[in-house]
Amino acid sequence: MAALKRRTDDPKVAALEKELKRTKRLVGDLVTGKELLEMRIARHEGEPPFPKRRSNP
């Protein structure tokens, strides 16, 4: 377990980790924006913001 937590000093790995964090943040922002737009559209059209989902048996 300790080996998995150990960080490398490789600058390429650090750069990739930084880019991954940035990308995850951007994806989160886009998903949030999409959900807000869906809610506004549904409110404008007079529908509930999210349809009820059927549960799988």
Protein backbone atom coordinates (compact mmCIF):
# COMPACT_ATOMS: atom_id res chain seq x y z
CA MET A 1 0.00 0.00 0.00
CA ALA A 2 2.87 2.36 0.76
CA ALA A 3 4.25 1.83 -2.74
CA LEU A 4 0.98 3.03 -4.24
CA LYS A 5 1.02 6.21 -2.16
CA ARG A 6 4.61 7.04 -3.05
CA ARG A 7 5.01 9.89 -5.51
CA THR A 8 7.60 10.03 -8.21
CA ASP A 9 9.86 13.00 -8.84
CA ASP A 10 9.48 12.68 -12.59
CA PRO A 11 8.46 16.09 -14.00
CA LYS A 12 6.47 14.42 -16.77
CA VAL A 13 4.28 12.68 -14.21
CA ALA A 14 3.79 15.93 -12.28
CA ALA A 15 2.79 17.73 -15.48
CA LEU A 16 0.33 14.98 -16.40
CA GLU A 17 -1.20 15.02 -12.91
CA LYS A 18 -1.61 18.79 -13.12
CA GLU A 19 -3.27 18.49 -16.54
CA LEU A 20 -5.55 15.73 -15.24
CA LYS A 21 -6.70 17.92 -12.34
CA ARG A 22 -7.37 20.80 -14.73
CA THR A 23 -9.30 18.54 -17.10
CA LYS A 24 -11.41 17.08 -14.28
CA ARG A 25 -12.24 20.58 -13.08
CA LEU A 26 -13.29 21.62 -16.60
CA VAL A 27 -15.45 18.53 -17.03
CA GLY A 28 -17.11 19.22 -13.69
CA ASP A 29 -17.83 22.81 -14.73
CA LEU A 30 -19.32 21.64 -18.03
CA VAL A 31 -21.53 19.03 -16.36
CA THR A 32 -22.78 21.58 -13.85
CA GLY A 33 -23.53 24.06 -16.62
CA LYS A 34 -25.36 21.41 -18.62
CA GLU A 35 -27.52 20.47 -15.63
CA LEU A 36 -28.37 24.11 -14.94
CA LEU A 37 -29.34 24.65 -18.57
CA GLU A 38 -31.54 21.55 -18.53
CA MET A 39 -33.30 22.85 -15.42
CA ARG A 40 -33.86 26.29 -16.97
CA ILE A 41 -35.18 24.79 -20.20
CA ALA A 42 -37.53 22.48 -18.32
CA ARG A 43 -38.78 25.37 -16.18
CA HIS A 44 -39.30 27.46 -19.31
CA GLU A 45 -41.23 24.67 -20.98
CA GLY A 46 -43.29 23.96 -17.84
CA GLU A 47 -41.95 20.48 -17.29
CA PRO A 48 -40.34 19.03 -14.19
CA PRO A 49 -36.58 19.62 -14.30
CA PHE A 50 -35.69 15.93 -14.39
CA PRO A 51 -37.99 13.12 -15.42
CA LYS A 52 -38.53 10.42 -12.83
CA ARG A 53 -36.48 7.37 -13.57
CA ARG A 54 -37.81 3.91 -13.48
CA SER A 55 -35.95 1.63 -11.16
CA ASN A 56 -34.60 -1.58 -12.59
CA PRO A 57 -35.99 -4.76 -11.01
